[in-house]
């Protein structure tokens, strides 16, 4: 058995450790959208080991990184405020209210964060980066899928939770269905 999309194409079954409660759209991370890789809320993983993380970074070190890497004007009090207090309501691609745009995925890679899904809080001369999830967040959340299985969900229910409008099909049947189009 294989998993195919609505056009009977094999899917790219992407996965990650933990989405932190919300998966991402493929196009938000990669250059191409896939109709089956769309964001979904996931309450199954939020109590799992990799659901949350925390890291502290010196305020001056963070601001200097933003200045050097992105050209952020750290003399502008509005830019500094946006850089040291970031509280998104859901997954975002950039630190809002900060210019130039600062990619959360690049920040994740540069600082070796578990995910690009985080808040920033000031704490004295430190900034607390409080995040959710572990990995890129696109496709199947492994810890969420394990929790669903522990609760008795079938593998098809799990697949449909993480991949939109997909079907299981015998590999030998693919050519038959493609030939009829």
N, C-alpha and C. Protein backbone atom coordinates (compact mmCIF):
# COMPACT_ATOMS: atom_id res chain seq x y z
N UNK A 1 0.84 -1.18 0.00
CA UNK A 1 0.00 0.00 0.00
C UNK A 1 0.89 1.25 0.00
N UNK A 2 0.42 2.24 -0.72
CA UNK A 2 1.11 3.53 -0.77
C UNK A 2 0.08 4.63 -0.53
N UNK A 3 0.57 5.81 -0.19
CA UNK A 3 -0.31 6.96 0.03
C UNK A 3 -0.19 7.86 -1.19
N UNK A 4 -1.34 8.22 -1.76
CA UNK A 4 -1.38 9.07 -2.94
C UNK A 4 -2.26 10.29 -2.67
N UNK A 5 -2.04 11.33 -3.47
CA UNK A 5 -2.87 12.53 -3.35
C UNK A 5 -4.12 12.40 -4.21
N UNK A 6 -4.87 13.46 -4.34
CA UNK A 6 -6.13 13.44 -5.10
C UNK A 6 -5.90 13.17 -6.58
N UNK A 7 -4.67 13.41 -7.08
CA UNK A 7 -4.34 13.16 -8.48
C UNK A 7 -3.63 11.83 -8.69
N UNK A 8 -3.71 10.95 -7.71
CA UNK A 8 -3.09 9.62 -7.75
C UNK A 8 -1.56 9.72 -7.93
N UNK A 9 -0.96 10.72 -7.29
CA UNK A 9 0.49 10.85 -7.27
C UNK A 9 0.98 10.45 -5.89
N UNK A 10 2.11 9.74 -5.84
CA UNK A 10 2.70 9.41 -4.54
C UNK A 10 2.99 10.70 -3.78
N UNK A 11 2.71 10.70 -2.49
CA UNK A 11 2.96 11.91 -1.71
C UNK A 11 4.39 11.91 -1.17
N UNK A 12 4.86 13.07 -0.82
CA UNK A 12 6.10 13.23 -0.06
C UNK A 12 5.67 13.20 1.40
N UNK A 13 5.84 12.07 2.03
CA UNK A 13 5.35 11.88 3.41
C UNK A 13 6.33 12.49 4.40
N UNK A 14 6.33 13.81 4.49
CA UNK A 14 7.25 14.50 5.38
C UNK A 14 6.80 14.31 6.83
N UNK A 15 7.77 14.38 7.73
CA UNK A 15 7.47 14.19 9.15
C UNK A 15 8.50 14.94 9.98
N UNK A 16 8.17 15.11 11.24
CA UNK A 16 9.04 15.80 12.19
C UNK A 16 8.74 15.22 13.57
N UNK A 17 9.53 15.55 14.55
CA UNK A 17 9.37 14.98 15.89
C UNK A 17 8.10 15.48 16.57
N UNK A 18 7.93 16.81 16.64
CA UNK A 18 6.80 17.38 17.37
C UNK A 18 6.47 18.74 16.77
N UNK A 19 5.19 18.97 16.48
CA UNK A 19 4.78 20.24 15.84
C UNK A 19 4.45 21.33 16.86
N UNK A 20 4.39 21.00 18.14
CA UNK A 20 4.07 22.00 19.15
C UNK A 20 2.61 22.40 19.17
N UNK A 21 1.76 21.63 18.50
CA UNK A 21 0.32 21.90 18.51
C UNK A 21 -0.25 22.41 17.20
N UNK A 22 0.62 22.70 16.23
CA UNK A 22 0.14 23.19 14.93
C UNK A 22 1.18 22.86 13.87
N UNK A 23 0.77 22.13 12.82
CA UNK A 23 1.68 21.84 11.72
C UNK A 23 1.73 23.04 10.77
N UNK A 24 2.67 23.01 9.84
CA UNK A 24 2.85 24.11 8.89
C UNK A 24 2.43 23.70 7.48
N UNK A 25 2.08 24.69 6.67
CA UNK A 25 1.89 24.48 5.24
C UNK A 25 3.25 24.26 4.59
N UNK A 26 3.31 23.39 3.58
CA UNK A 26 4.57 23.14 2.89
C UNK A 26 5.17 24.42 2.31
N UNK A 27 4.33 25.27 1.71
CA UNK A 27 4.84 26.48 1.06
C UNK A 27 5.38 27.51 2.05
N UNK A 28 5.04 27.36 3.31
CA UNK A 28 5.57 28.28 4.31
C UNK A 28 7.02 27.96 4.67
N UNK A 29 7.46 26.76 4.33
CA UNK A 29 8.82 26.36 4.64
C UNK A 29 9.64 26.13 3.38
N UNK A 30 9.02 25.52 2.38
CA UNK A 30 9.70 25.20 1.14
C UNK A 30 9.10 26.00 -0.01
N UNK A 31 9.70 25.93 -1.17
CA UNK A 31 9.26 26.77 -2.29
C UNK A 31 8.00 26.28 -2.98
N UNK A 32 7.57 25.05 -2.72
CA UNK A 32 6.43 24.49 -3.44
C UNK A 32 5.32 24.10 -2.47
N UNK A 33 4.10 24.45 -2.83
CA UNK A 33 2.96 24.02 -2.02
C UNK A 33 2.54 22.62 -2.46
N UNK A 34 1.98 21.89 -1.54
CA UNK A 34 1.38 20.59 -1.82
C UNK A 34 0.02 20.60 -1.15
N UNK A 35 -1.05 20.29 -1.88
CA UNK A 35 -2.40 20.39 -1.31
C UNK A 35 -2.63 19.46 -0.11
N UNK A 36 -1.82 18.45 0.05
CA UNK A 36 -1.98 17.53 1.18
C UNK A 36 -1.11 17.91 2.37
N UNK A 37 -0.21 18.88 2.20
CA UNK A 37 0.65 19.33 3.29
C UNK A 37 0.18 20.71 3.74
N UNK A 38 -0.94 20.73 4.47
CA UNK A 38 -1.53 21.98 4.94
C UNK A 38 -1.53 22.01 6.46
N UNK A 39 -1.50 23.19 7.00
CA UNK A 39 -1.48 23.38 8.44
C UNK A 39 -2.73 22.78 9.09
N UNK A 40 -2.52 22.14 10.22
CA UNK A 40 -3.63 21.61 11.00
C UNK A 40 -3.30 21.73 12.48
N UNK A 41 -4.32 21.94 13.29
CA UNK A 41 -4.12 21.98 14.74
C UNK A 41 -3.92 20.55 15.22
N UNK A 42 -3.06 20.37 16.20
CA UNK A 42 -2.73 19.03 16.69
C UNK A 42 -2.61 19.04 18.21
N UNK A 43 -3.67 18.66 18.89
CA UNK A 43 -3.66 18.63 20.36
C UNK A 43 -3.01 17.35 20.89
N UNK A 44 -2.72 16.40 20.02
CA UNK A 44 -2.21 15.11 20.47
C UNK A 44 -0.76 15.18 20.97
N UNK A 45 0.02 16.12 20.49
CA UNK A 45 1.45 16.15 20.83
C UNK A 45 1.82 17.11 21.95
N UNK A 46 0.89 17.92 22.41
CA UNK A 46 1.26 19.04 23.29
C UNK A 46 1.76 18.63 24.68
N UNK A 47 1.50 17.39 25.10
CA UNK A 47 2.00 16.93 26.40
C UNK A 47 3.21 16.01 26.23
N UNK A 48 3.76 15.93 25.04
CA UNK A 48 4.88 15.04 24.74
C UNK A 48 6.21 15.67 25.12
N UNK A 49 7.27 14.85 25.19
CA UNK A 49 8.57 15.34 25.65
C UNK A 49 9.16 16.52 24.87
N UNK A 50 8.92 16.58 23.57
CA UNK A 50 9.52 17.65 22.77
C UNK A 50 8.54 18.77 22.43
N UNK A 51 7.45 18.86 23.18
CA UNK A 51 6.42 19.85 22.88
C UNK A 51 6.87 21.28 23.16
N UNK A 52 7.71 21.46 24.16
CA UNK A 52 8.17 22.81 24.50
C UNK A 52 9.68 22.82 24.74
N UNK A 53 10.26 23.99 24.60
CA UNK A 53 11.69 24.17 24.86
C UNK A 53 11.93 25.62 25.26
N UNK A 54 13.10 25.88 25.82
CA UNK A 54 13.44 27.22 26.29
C UNK A 54 14.95 27.43 26.17
N UNK A 55 15.32 28.64 25.74
CA UNK A 55 16.73 29.00 25.64
C UNK A 55 16.87 30.48 25.96
N UNK A 56 17.92 30.84 26.69
CA UNK A 56 18.19 32.25 27.00
C UNK A 56 19.39 32.73 26.19
N UNK A 57 19.28 33.96 25.70
CA UNK A 57 20.35 34.59 24.93
C UNK A 57 20.48 36.02 25.46
N UNK A 58 21.70 36.49 25.56
CA UNK A 58 21.93 37.87 25.99
C UNK A 58 21.26 38.86 25.04
N UNK A 59 20.61 39.86 25.62
CA UNK A 59 19.91 40.87 24.81
C UNK A 59 20.87 41.53 23.81
N UNK A 60 22.05 41.94 24.27
CA UNK A 60 23.03 42.60 23.40
C UNK A 60 23.49 41.66 22.28
N UNK A 61 23.68 40.40 22.60
CA UNK A 61 24.11 39.41 21.60
C UNK A 61 23.04 39.23 20.52
N UNK A 62 21.77 39.16 20.94
CA UNK A 62 20.65 39.00 20.00
C UNK A 62 20.53 40.23 19.08
N UNK A 63 20.60 41.42 19.67
CA UNK A 63 20.48 42.64 18.87
C UNK A 63 21.64 42.78 17.88
N UNK A 64 22.83 42.41 18.31
CA UNK A 64 23.98 42.47 17.41
C UNK A 64 23.83 41.46 16.26
N UNK A 65 23.31 40.28 16.56
CA UNK A 65 23.01 39.28 15.51
C UNK A 65 22.04 39.87 14.48
N UNK A 66 20.97 40.50 14.95
CA UNK A 66 19.98 41.08 14.04
C UNK A 66 20.58 42.21 13.20
N UNK A 67 21.45 43.00 13.81
CA UNK A 67 22.11 44.09 13.08
C UNK A 67 23.03 43.53 12.00
N UNK A 68 23.88 42.58 12.37
CA UNK A 68 24.86 42.03 11.42
C UNK A 68 24.21 41.17 10.34
N UNK A 69 23.26 40.34 10.73
CA UNK A 69 22.69 39.37 9.79
C UNK A 69 21.63 39.98 8.89
N UNK A 70 20.81 40.89 9.43
CA UNK A 70 19.67 41.42 8.68
C UNK A 70 19.73 42.92 8.44
N UNK A 71 20.63 43.62 9.11
CA UNK A 71 20.69 45.06 8.96
C UNK A 71 19.61 45.79 9.75
N UNK A 72 19.10 45.16 10.80
CA UNK A 72 18.09 45.79 11.64
C UNK A 72 18.71 47.00 12.35
N UNK A 73 18.01 48.12 12.33
CA UNK A 73 18.49 49.35 12.97
C UNK A 73 18.23 49.24 14.48
N UNK A 74 19.26 48.83 15.22
CA UNK A 74 19.07 48.64 16.66
C UNK A 74 19.14 49.95 17.44
N UNK A 75 19.30 51.08 16.74
CA UNK A 75 19.19 52.39 17.38
C UNK A 75 17.73 52.85 17.41
N UNK A 76 16.88 52.20 16.63
CA UNK A 76 15.46 52.53 16.55
C UNK A 76 14.71 51.79 17.66
N UNK A 77 14.13 52.54 18.59
CA UNK A 77 13.46 51.92 19.75
C UNK A 77 12.30 51.02 19.34
N UNK A 78 11.61 51.35 18.26
CA UNK A 78 10.51 50.48 17.79
C UNK A 78 11.04 49.13 17.30
N UNK A 79 12.18 49.16 16.62
CA UNK A 79 12.79 47.91 16.13
C UNK A 79 13.29 47.07 17.31
N UNK A 80 13.88 47.72 18.29
CA UNK A 80 14.36 46.98 19.47
C UNK A 80 13.18 46.35 20.21
N UNK A 81 12.11 47.10 20.38
CA UNK A 81 10.92 46.57 21.06
C UNK A 81 10.38 45.34 20.31
N UNK A 82 10.31 45.43 18.99
CA UNK A 82 9.83 44.30 18.18
C UNK A 82 10.78 43.11 18.27
N UNK A 83 12.07 43.37 18.43
CA UNK A 83 13.07 42.31 18.48
C UNK A 83 13.13 41.59 19.82
N UNK A 84 12.74 42.27 20.89
CA UNK A 84 12.88 41.66 22.22
C UNK A 84 11.56 41.20 22.83
N UNK A 85 10.45 41.49 22.17
CA UNK A 85 9.14 41.02 22.64
C UNK A 85 8.34 40.55 21.44
N UNK A 86 8.27 39.25 21.27
CA UNK A 86 7.60 38.65 20.11
C UNK A 86 6.68 37.56 20.63
N UNK A 87 5.37 37.75 20.42
CA UNK A 87 4.36 36.82 20.94
C UNK A 87 3.35 36.45 19.85
N UNK A 88 3.73 35.57 18.93
CA UNK A 88 2.78 35.21 17.87
C UNK A 88 1.63 34.36 18.42
N UNK A 89 0.45 34.52 17.83
CA UNK A 89 -0.72 33.71 18.23
C UNK A 89 -0.72 32.35 17.57
N UNK A 90 0.03 32.22 16.49
CA UNK A 90 0.11 30.95 15.76
C UNK A 90 1.48 30.93 15.06
N UNK A 91 1.73 29.87 14.31
CA UNK A 91 3.00 29.80 13.58
C UNK A 91 3.11 30.98 12.62
N UNK A 92 4.28 31.58 12.59
CA UNK A 92 4.55 32.69 11.68
C UNK A 92 5.83 32.40 10.92
N UNK A 93 6.07 33.15 9.86
CA UNK A 93 7.27 32.98 9.04
C UNK A 93 8.36 33.96 9.43
N UNK A 94 7.96 35.13 9.94
CA UNK A 94 8.89 36.21 10.24
C UNK A 94 8.55 36.81 11.60
N UNK A 95 9.54 37.49 12.19
CA UNK A 95 9.26 38.24 13.41
C UNK A 95 8.48 39.48 12.98
N UNK A 96 7.24 39.55 13.40
CA UNK A 96 6.36 40.65 12.99
C UNK A 96 6.84 41.98 13.58
N UNK A 97 6.53 43.05 12.87
CA UNK A 97 6.86 44.43 13.23
C UNK A 97 8.36 44.72 13.17
N UNK A 98 9.15 43.81 12.64
CA UNK A 98 10.60 44.02 12.54
C UNK A 98 10.96 44.19 11.07
N UNK A 99 11.79 45.20 10.79
CA UNK A 99 12.20 45.42 9.41
C UNK A 99 13.70 45.62 9.37
N UNK A 100 14.41 45.02 8.42
CA UNK A 100 13.90 44.11 7.40
C UNK A 100 13.35 42.82 8.01
N UNK A 101 12.64 42.07 7.18
CA UNK A 101 12.04 40.82 7.65
C UNK A 101 13.11 39.86 8.16
N UNK A 102 12.81 39.24 9.29
CA UNK A 102 13.72 38.28 9.91
C UNK A 102 13.06 36.91 9.84
N UNK A 103 13.65 36.01 9.07
CA UNK A 103 13.11 34.67 8.89
C UNK A 103 13.27 33.82 10.15
N UNK A 104 12.15 33.30 10.64
CA UNK A 104 12.21 32.46 11.84
C UNK A 104 12.95 31.15 11.56
N UNK A 105 12.86 30.62 10.34
CA UNK A 105 13.60 29.40 10.00
C UNK A 105 15.10 29.65 10.01
N UNK A 106 15.52 30.82 9.52
CA UNK A 106 16.96 31.13 9.55
C UNK A 106 17.42 31.34 10.99
N UNK A 107 16.61 32.00 11.80
CA UNK A 107 16.95 32.17 13.22
C UNK A 107 17.08 30.79 13.87
N UNK A 108 16.13 29.91 13.56
CA UNK A 108 16.18 28.54 14.10
C UNK A 108 17.50 27.86 13.75
N UNK A 109 17.89 27.94 12.49
CA UNK A 109 19.12 27.29 12.04
C UNK A 109 20.36 27.94 12.67
N UNK A 110 20.40 29.27 12.68
CA UNK A 110 21.57 29.98 13.19
C UNK A 110 21.78 29.75 14.69
N UNK A 111 20.70 29.69 15.45
CA UNK A 111 20.80 29.55 16.90
C UNK A 111 20.57 28.11 17.37
N UNK A 112 20.36 27.21 16.43
CA UNK A 112 20.15 25.79 16.74
C UNK A 112 18.97 25.57 17.69
N UNK A 113 17.88 26.30 17.44
CA UNK A 113 16.64 26.11 18.20
C UNK A 113 15.97 24.83 17.74
N UNK A 114 15.14 24.25 18.59
CA UNK A 114 14.41 23.04 18.23
C UNK A 114 13.39 23.28 17.13
N UNK A 115 12.86 24.49 17.04
CA UNK A 115 11.84 24.81 16.04
C UNK A 115 11.87 26.31 15.75
N UNK A 116 11.08 26.70 14.76
CA UNK A 116 10.93 28.12 14.42
C UNK A 116 9.62 28.67 14.98
N UNK A 117 9.07 28.00 15.96
CA UNK A 117 7.78 28.34 16.56
C UNK A 117 8.07 28.78 18.00
N UNK A 118 8.28 30.09 18.21
CA UNK A 118 8.70 30.54 19.53
C UNK A 118 8.25 31.97 19.83
N UNK A 119 8.26 32.29 21.12
CA UNK A 119 8.05 33.63 21.65
C UNK A 119 9.39 34.16 22.14
N UNK A 120 9.50 35.46 22.25
CA UNK A 120 10.68 36.08 22.85
C UNK A 120 10.19 36.97 23.98
N UNK A 121 10.79 36.79 25.17
CA UNK A 121 10.43 37.57 26.35
C UNK A 121 11.69 38.18 26.95
N UNK A 122 11.66 39.46 27.32
CA UNK A 122 12.80 40.04 28.02
C UNK A 122 12.83 39.59 29.48
N UNK A 123 14.04 39.36 29.98
CA UNK A 123 14.24 38.99 31.38
C UNK A 123 15.58 39.59 31.82
N UNK A 124 15.53 40.85 32.26
CA UNK A 124 16.76 41.56 32.61
C UNK A 124 17.59 41.79 31.36
N UNK A 125 18.89 41.42 31.44
CA UNK A 125 19.76 41.58 30.27
C UNK A 125 19.74 40.34 29.36
N UNK A 126 18.84 39.42 29.65
CA UNK A 126 18.66 38.20 28.85
C UNK A 126 17.33 38.25 28.11
N UNK A 127 17.24 37.49 27.04
CA UNK A 127 15.98 37.26 26.35
C UNK A 127 15.68 35.78 26.45
N UNK A 128 14.46 35.46 26.81
CA UNK A 128 14.04 34.07 26.91
C UNK A 128 13.30 33.72 25.61
N UNK A 129 13.79 32.71 24.93
CA UNK A 129 13.14 32.18 23.73
C UNK A 129 12.41 30.93 24.18
N UNK A 130 11.09 31.02 24.18
CA UNK A 130 10.25 29.93 24.66
C UNK A 130 9.52 29.36 23.45
N UNK A 131 9.84 28.11 23.11
CA UNK A 131 9.33 27.56 21.87
C UNK A 131 8.47 26.34 22.04
N UNK A 132 7.85 25.99 20.91
CA UNK A 132 6.99 24.81 20.85
C UNK A 132 7.43 23.95 19.68
N UNK A 133 7.49 22.65 19.92
CA UNK A 133 7.80 21.71 18.86
C UNK A 133 9.27 21.42 18.68
N UNK A 134 9.53 20.43 17.82
CA UNK A 134 10.89 20.00 17.51
C UNK A 134 10.90 19.56 16.05
N UNK A 135 11.57 20.33 15.21
CA UNK A 135 11.62 20.00 13.78
C UNK A 135 10.92 21.05 12.95
N UNK A 136 10.80 20.79 11.66
CA UNK A 136 10.26 21.79 10.72
C UNK A 136 8.76 21.98 10.81
N UNK A 137 8.01 20.99 11.27
CA UNK A 137 6.57 21.17 11.48
C UNK A 137 5.67 20.87 10.30
N UNK A 138 6.23 20.38 9.18
CA UNK A 138 5.41 20.07 8.00
C UNK A 138 5.12 18.57 7.96
N UNK A 139 3.85 18.23 7.74
CA UNK A 139 3.47 16.82 7.60
C UNK A 139 3.15 16.15 8.93
N UNK A 140 3.54 14.90 9.03
CA UNK A 140 3.19 14.08 10.19
C UNK A 140 4.03 14.43 11.41
N UNK A 141 3.37 14.66 12.51
CA UNK A 141 4.01 14.91 13.80
C UNK A 141 4.18 13.55 14.48
N UNK A 142 5.41 13.09 14.65
CA UNK A 142 5.64 11.74 15.17
C UNK A 142 5.07 11.55 16.57
N UNK A 143 5.31 12.49 17.47
CA UNK A 143 4.80 12.33 18.83
C UNK A 143 3.28 12.42 18.86
N UNK A 144 2.69 13.25 18.02
CA UNK A 144 1.24 13.32 17.92
C UNK A 144 0.66 12.03 17.37
N UNK A 145 1.30 11.48 16.34
CA UNK A 145 0.84 10.22 15.74
C UNK A 145 0.93 9.07 16.74
N UNK A 146 2.01 9.04 17.53
CA UNK A 146 2.14 7.99 18.54
C UNK A 146 1.03 8.11 19.59
N UNK A 147 0.72 9.33 19.99
CA UNK A 147 -0.36 9.55 20.97
C UNK A 147 -1.70 9.12 20.38
N UNK A 148 -1.94 9.43 19.12
CA UNK A 148 -3.19 9.01 18.47
C UNK A 148 -3.28 7.48 18.46
N UNK A 149 -2.17 6.81 18.13
CA UNK A 149 -2.16 5.34 18.11
C UNK A 149 -2.40 4.79 19.51
N UNK A 150 -1.79 5.40 20.53
CA UNK A 150 -2.01 4.96 21.92
C UNK A 150 -3.47 5.09 22.33
N UNK A 151 -4.16 6.06 21.75
CA UNK A 151 -5.59 6.27 22.06
C UNK A 151 -6.51 5.40 21.20
N UNK A 152 -5.92 4.56 20.35
CA UNK A 152 -6.73 3.64 19.56
C UNK A 152 -7.11 4.11 18.18
N UNK A 153 -6.55 5.22 17.73
CA UNK A 153 -6.85 5.69 16.37
C UNK A 153 -6.20 4.75 15.35
N UNK A 154 -6.88 4.54 14.25
CA UNK A 154 -6.34 3.68 13.19
C UNK A 154 -5.24 4.42 12.42
N UNK A 155 -4.43 3.65 11.70
CA UNK A 155 -3.38 4.30 10.91
C UNK A 155 -3.97 5.19 9.83
N UNK A 156 -5.15 4.84 9.32
CA UNK A 156 -5.78 5.71 8.31
C UNK A 156 -6.26 7.01 8.93
N UNK A 157 -6.80 6.94 10.16
CA UNK A 157 -7.19 8.18 10.85
C UNK A 157 -5.97 9.07 11.08
N UNK A 158 -4.87 8.46 11.44
CA UNK A 158 -3.63 9.21 11.68
C UNK A 158 -3.15 9.87 10.38
N UNK A 159 -3.11 9.11 9.31
CA UNK A 159 -2.68 9.67 8.02
C UNK A 159 -3.57 10.83 7.59
N UNK A 160 -4.89 10.66 7.74
CA UNK A 160 -5.81 11.72 7.33
C UNK A 160 -5.74 12.95 8.24
N UNK A 161 -5.33 12.76 9.47
CA UNK A 161 -5.17 13.91 10.36
C UNK A 161 -4.01 14.81 9.89
N UNK A 162 -2.94 14.20 9.42
CA UNK A 162 -1.74 14.97 9.05
C UNK A 162 -1.60 15.27 7.56
N UNK A 163 -2.27 14.51 6.71
CA UNK A 163 -2.17 14.70 5.26
C UNK A 163 -3.58 14.85 4.70
N UNK A 164 -3.88 16.01 4.12
CA UNK A 164 -5.23 16.32 3.63
C UNK A 164 -5.52 15.63 2.30
N UNK A 165 -6.72 15.10 2.19
CA UNK A 165 -7.23 14.53 0.93
C UNK A 165 -6.26 13.53 0.29
N UNK A 166 -5.82 12.56 1.09
CA UNK A 166 -4.95 11.50 0.57
C UNK A 166 -5.70 10.17 0.63
N UNK A 167 -5.17 9.20 -0.10
CA UNK A 167 -5.80 7.89 -0.18
C UNK A 167 -4.74 6.81 -0.11
N UNK A 168 -5.10 5.67 0.46
CA UNK A 168 -4.24 4.49 0.43
C UNK A 168 -4.60 3.69 -0.80
N UNK A 169 -3.58 3.19 -1.47
CA UNK A 169 -3.83 2.47 -2.71
C UNK A 169 -2.76 1.41 -2.89
N UNK A 170 -3.12 0.31 -3.50
CA UNK A 170 -2.16 -0.72 -3.85
C UNK A 170 -1.24 -0.14 -4.93
N UNK A 171 0.05 -0.33 -4.77
CA UNK A 171 1.01 0.23 -5.71
C UNK A 171 0.72 -0.19 -7.15
N UNK A 172 0.30 -1.43 -7.35
CA UNK A 172 0.00 -1.92 -8.69
C UNK A 172 -1.21 -1.27 -9.33
N UNK A 173 -2.07 -0.65 -8.54
CA UNK A 173 -3.28 -0.01 -9.07
C UNK A 173 -3.05 1.39 -9.60
N UNK A 174 -1.93 1.98 -9.27
CA UNK A 174 -1.69 3.37 -9.66
C UNK A 174 -1.75 3.54 -11.18
N UNK A 175 -1.06 2.68 -11.92
CA UNK A 175 -1.05 2.81 -13.38
C UNK A 175 -2.44 2.63 -13.96
N UNK A 176 -3.24 1.73 -13.38
CA UNK A 176 -4.61 1.53 -13.86
C UNK A 176 -5.40 2.83 -13.77
N UNK A 177 -5.34 3.48 -12.62
CA UNK A 177 -6.11 4.71 -12.44
C UNK A 177 -5.55 5.86 -13.27
N UNK A 178 -4.26 5.91 -13.45
CA UNK A 178 -3.66 6.95 -14.29
C UNK A 178 -4.03 6.76 -15.76
N UNK A 179 -4.11 5.50 -16.21
CA UNK A 179 -4.43 5.21 -17.61
C UNK A 179 -5.86 5.56 -17.97
N UNK A 180 -6.74 5.64 -16.98
CA UNK A 180 -8.15 5.93 -17.28
C UNK A 180 -8.40 7.41 -17.46
N UNK A 181 -7.44 8.24 -17.17
CA UNK A 181 -7.63 9.70 -17.30
C UNK A 181 -7.42 10.17 -18.70
